[in-house]
N, C-alpha and C. Protein backbone atom coordinates (compact mmCIF):
# COMPACT_ATOMS: atom_id res chain seq x y z
N MET A 1 -4.31 -27.00 31.92
CA MET A 1 -5.58 -27.93 31.76
C MET A 1 -5.62 -28.35 30.33
N ILE A 2 -4.44 -28.34 29.59
CA ILE A 2 -4.42 -28.77 28.12
C ILE A 2 -3.88 -30.36 28.24
N LYS A 3 -4.62 -31.17 27.54
CA LYS A 3 -4.24 -32.61 27.37
C LYS A 3 -3.93 -32.69 26.12
N ARG A 4 -3.28 -33.95 26.01
CA ARG A 4 -2.71 -34.46 24.63
C ARG A 4 -2.95 -35.82 24.70
N PHE A 5 -3.41 -36.18 23.46
CA PHE A 5 -3.69 -37.72 22.76
C PHE A 5 -2.93 -38.14 21.91
N ASP A 6 -2.28 -38.85 22.16
CA ASP A 6 -1.29 -39.62 20.65
C ASP A 6 -1.75 -41.11 20.59
N LEU A 7 -2.62 -41.37 19.61
CA LEU A 7 -2.70 -42.63 19.13
C LEU A 7 -1.64 -43.43 19.06
N PRO A 8 -1.44 -44.62 19.88
CA PRO A 8 -0.26 -45.18 20.00
C PRO A 8 0.17 -46.07 18.77
N GLU A 9 -0.91 -46.42 17.83
CA GLU A 9 -0.55 -47.26 16.77
C GLU A 9 -0.46 -46.31 15.53
N ALA A 10 -0.47 -44.99 15.73
CA ALA A 10 -0.54 -43.98 14.51
C ALA A 10 0.68 -43.43 14.51
N VAL A 11 1.46 -43.08 13.33
CA VAL A 11 2.72 -42.65 13.10
C VAL A 11 2.57 -40.95 13.30
N ARG A 12 1.39 -40.22 12.97
CA ARG A 12 1.28 -38.95 13.03
C ARG A 12 0.20 -38.37 13.88
N PHE A 13 -0.95 -39.27 14.05
CA PHE A 13 -2.14 -38.52 14.74
C PHE A 13 -1.90 -38.28 16.10
N SER A 14 -2.23 -37.06 16.60
CA SER A 14 -2.15 -36.47 17.73
C SER A 14 -3.42 -35.69 17.92
N ASN A 15 -3.66 -35.32 19.10
CA ASN A 15 -5.11 -34.39 19.41
C ASN A 15 -4.52 -33.53 20.66
N CYS A 16 -4.66 -32.24 20.72
CA CYS A 16 -4.59 -31.48 22.08
C CYS A 16 -5.83 -30.87 22.37
N PHE A 17 -6.24 -30.85 23.56
CA PHE A 17 -7.61 -30.21 23.70
C PHE A 17 -7.63 -29.67 25.12
N CYS A 18 -8.63 -28.96 25.40
CA CYS A 18 -8.95 -28.38 26.84
C CYS A 18 -9.74 -29.36 27.77
N SER A 19 -9.24 -29.73 28.71
CA SER A 19 -9.93 -30.75 29.53
C SER A 19 -11.12 -30.26 30.46
N GLU A 20 -11.21 -28.91 30.19
CA GLU A 20 -12.33 -28.34 30.92
C GLU A 20 -13.52 -28.47 30.03
N CYS A 21 -13.13 -27.67 28.69
CA CYS A 21 -14.42 -27.62 27.65
C CYS A 21 -14.12 -28.52 26.56
N GLY A 22 -13.21 -29.17 26.24
CA GLY A 22 -12.90 -30.09 24.99
C GLY A 22 -12.50 -29.43 23.83
N SER A 23 -12.58 -27.87 23.75
CA SER A 23 -11.98 -27.45 22.64
C SER A 23 -10.65 -27.81 22.01
N GLN A 24 -10.24 -27.95 20.88
CA GLN A 24 -9.02 -28.28 20.30
C GLN A 24 -8.29 -27.13 20.55
N VAL A 25 -6.87 -27.28 20.87
CA VAL A 25 -5.88 -26.20 20.81
C VAL A 25 -4.98 -26.36 20.00
N PRO A 26 -3.90 -25.39 19.67
CA PRO A 26 -2.93 -25.61 19.01
C PRO A 26 -1.90 -26.65 19.23
N TYR A 27 -1.25 -27.29 18.69
CA TYR A 27 -0.20 -28.29 19.28
C TYR A 27 1.02 -28.63 18.19
N LEU A 28 2.18 -28.94 18.74
CA LEU A 28 3.12 -29.45 17.65
C LEU A 28 3.01 -30.84 17.39
N SER A 29 3.40 -31.24 16.25
CA SER A 29 3.44 -32.52 15.82
C SER A 29 4.31 -33.43 16.55
N ARG A 30 4.02 -34.74 16.26
CA ARG A 30 4.84 -35.70 17.19
C ARG A 30 6.22 -35.35 17.10
N ASP A 31 6.66 -35.44 15.99
CA ASP A 31 7.99 -35.18 15.59
C ASP A 31 8.57 -33.73 15.84
N GLY A 32 7.84 -32.85 16.18
CA GLY A 32 8.12 -31.37 16.25
C GLY A 32 8.40 -30.66 15.14
N SER A 33 7.80 -31.20 14.02
CA SER A 33 8.31 -30.57 12.68
C SER A 33 6.91 -29.59 11.98
N ALA A 34 5.99 -29.78 12.79
CA ALA A 34 4.71 -28.90 12.36
C ALA A 34 3.95 -28.60 13.36
N LEU A 35 3.36 -27.21 13.21
CA LEU A 35 2.64 -26.69 14.19
C LEU A 35 1.15 -26.77 13.62
N ALA A 36 0.08 -27.51 14.29
CA ALA A 36 -1.37 -27.60 14.04
C ALA A 36 -2.18 -26.65 14.89
N ILE A 37 -2.79 -25.90 14.09
CA ILE A 37 -3.62 -24.72 14.47
C ILE A 37 -5.00 -25.15 14.19
N PRO A 38 -5.98 -25.59 14.91
CA PRO A 38 -7.25 -25.80 14.69
C PRO A 38 -8.10 -24.36 14.20
N ALA A 39 -9.03 -24.72 12.90
CA ALA A 39 -9.30 -23.51 12.41
C ALA A 39 -10.40 -22.69 13.37
N GLY A 40 -10.85 -23.46 14.29
CA GLY A 40 -11.75 -22.81 15.52
C GLY A 40 -10.95 -22.02 16.16
N CYS A 41 -9.63 -22.04 16.38
CA CYS A 41 -9.01 -21.14 17.19
C CYS A 41 -8.74 -19.58 16.54
N LEU A 42 -8.84 -19.64 15.42
CA LEU A 42 -8.75 -18.36 14.57
C LEU A 42 -9.90 -17.23 14.91
N ASP A 43 -9.45 -16.03 14.83
CA ASP A 43 -10.38 -15.09 15.04
C ASP A 43 -10.44 -14.08 14.06
N GLY A 44 -9.62 -14.45 12.91
CA GLY A 44 -9.33 -13.37 11.66
C GLY A 44 -9.12 -14.17 10.70
N ASP A 45 -8.99 -13.57 9.41
CA ASP A 45 -8.76 -14.34 8.18
C ASP A 45 -7.15 -14.65 8.14
N PRO A 46 -6.85 -16.21 8.18
CA PRO A 46 -5.43 -16.53 7.83
C PRO A 46 -4.66 -16.27 6.84
N GLU A 47 -5.51 -15.69 5.83
CA GLU A 47 -4.90 -14.89 4.55
C GLU A 47 -4.45 -16.26 3.82
N ILE A 48 -4.64 -17.51 4.01
CA ILE A 48 -4.18 -18.54 3.32
C ILE A 48 -5.72 -19.65 2.98
N VAL A 49 -5.41 -20.07 1.88
CA VAL A 49 -6.69 -21.08 1.33
C VAL A 49 -6.35 -22.73 1.39
N PRO A 50 -7.03 -23.52 1.54
CA PRO A 50 -6.81 -25.12 1.56
C PRO A 50 -6.11 -25.27 0.17
N GLN A 51 -4.89 -26.12 0.41
CA GLN A 51 -4.31 -26.35 -0.79
C GLN A 51 -4.42 -27.74 -1.44
N ALA A 52 -5.13 -28.76 -0.47
CA ALA A 52 -5.45 -29.98 -0.86
C ALA A 52 -6.74 -30.67 -0.06
N ASN A 53 -7.25 -31.41 -0.77
CA ASN A 53 -8.30 -32.20 -0.12
C ASN A 53 -7.90 -33.68 0.17
N ILE A 54 -7.70 -34.31 1.20
CA ILE A 54 -7.01 -35.51 1.51
C ILE A 54 -8.19 -36.55 1.67
N PHE A 55 -8.08 -37.86 1.49
CA PHE A 55 -9.19 -38.72 1.66
C PHE A 55 -10.25 -38.42 0.84
N TRP A 56 -9.99 -37.79 -0.65
CA TRP A 56 -11.14 -37.51 -1.18
C TRP A 56 -12.29 -38.59 -1.66
N VAL A 57 -11.81 -39.62 -1.80
CA VAL A 57 -12.62 -40.89 -2.15
C VAL A 57 -13.59 -41.41 -1.08
N GLU A 58 -13.02 -41.08 0.09
CA GLU A 58 -13.87 -41.47 1.48
C GLU A 58 -14.92 -40.32 1.98
N ARG A 59 -15.03 -39.15 1.08
CA ARG A 59 -15.92 -38.20 1.46
C ARG A 59 -17.41 -38.69 1.53
N SER A 60 -18.17 -37.88 2.40
CA SER A 60 -19.51 -38.28 2.45
C SER A 60 -20.38 -38.18 1.35
N CYS A 61 -21.15 -38.98 0.99
CA CYS A 61 -22.19 -38.90 -0.22
C CYS A 61 -22.84 -37.58 -0.26
N TRP A 62 -23.02 -36.99 0.82
CA TRP A 62 -23.68 -35.54 0.54
C TRP A 62 -22.84 -34.59 0.81
N PHE A 63 -21.52 -34.75 0.46
CA PHE A 63 -20.52 -33.56 0.52
C PHE A 63 -21.13 -32.35 -0.14
N GLU A 64 -21.12 -32.60 -1.65
CA GLU A 64 -21.42 -31.48 -2.63
C GLU A 64 -22.95 -31.11 -2.30
N GLN A 65 -23.85 -31.80 -1.94
CA GLN A 65 -25.13 -31.05 -1.45
C GLN A 65 -24.97 -30.16 -0.39
N GLY A 66 -24.09 -30.36 0.52
CA GLY A 66 -24.04 -29.56 1.89
C GLY A 66 -23.32 -28.39 1.40
N SER A 67 -22.29 -28.32 0.35
CA SER A 67 -21.84 -27.01 0.13
C SER A 67 -22.69 -26.14 -1.07
N GLU A 68 -23.97 -26.74 -1.59
CA GLU A 68 -24.51 -26.04 -2.15
C GLU A 68 -26.03 -25.62 -1.62
N ALA A 69 -26.09 -26.11 -0.30
CA ALA A 69 -27.63 -25.77 0.52
C ALA A 69 -27.51 -24.38 0.82
N GLU A 70 -28.79 -24.06 1.18
CA GLU A 70 -29.14 -22.50 1.56
C GLU A 70 -28.19 -22.21 2.65
N ARG A 71 -27.80 -21.00 2.47
CA ARG A 71 -26.74 -20.33 3.66
C ARG A 71 -27.62 -19.40 4.23
N PHE A 72 -27.12 -19.25 5.66
CA PHE A 72 -27.83 -17.92 6.52
C PHE A 72 -26.85 -17.32 7.17
N SER A 73 -26.90 -16.02 7.31
CA SER A 73 -25.87 -15.45 8.21
C SER A 73 -26.02 -15.41 9.90
N ARG A 74 -27.06 -16.23 10.22
CA ARG A 74 -27.53 -16.16 11.48
C ARG A 74 -28.61 -17.58 11.72
N TYR A 75 -28.96 -17.83 12.68
CA TYR A 75 -29.96 -19.16 12.89
C TYR A 75 -30.95 -18.61 12.37
N PRO A 76 -31.71 -19.43 11.54
CA PRO A 76 -33.23 -19.08 11.00
C PRO A 76 -34.34 -19.04 11.87
N THR A 77 -34.83 -17.86 11.81
CA THR A 77 -36.24 -17.74 12.61
C THR A 77 -37.37 -18.38 12.02
């Protein structure tokens, strides 16, 4: 039930997902040199941290405010 989408005009962009629920799933890059594992697939600490922020100048104008917003451990009632 896993489907793969390769954007024809892109060199690297691909996406694999479940055709039943739409969840992203791990996949090999188009050239087979890298394994992409969507963070939502992880159920434990991967013991690594982000190493870079790409497209930084294109980030949303509210990015910093979002990271500083009030945080909840569950849905607020």
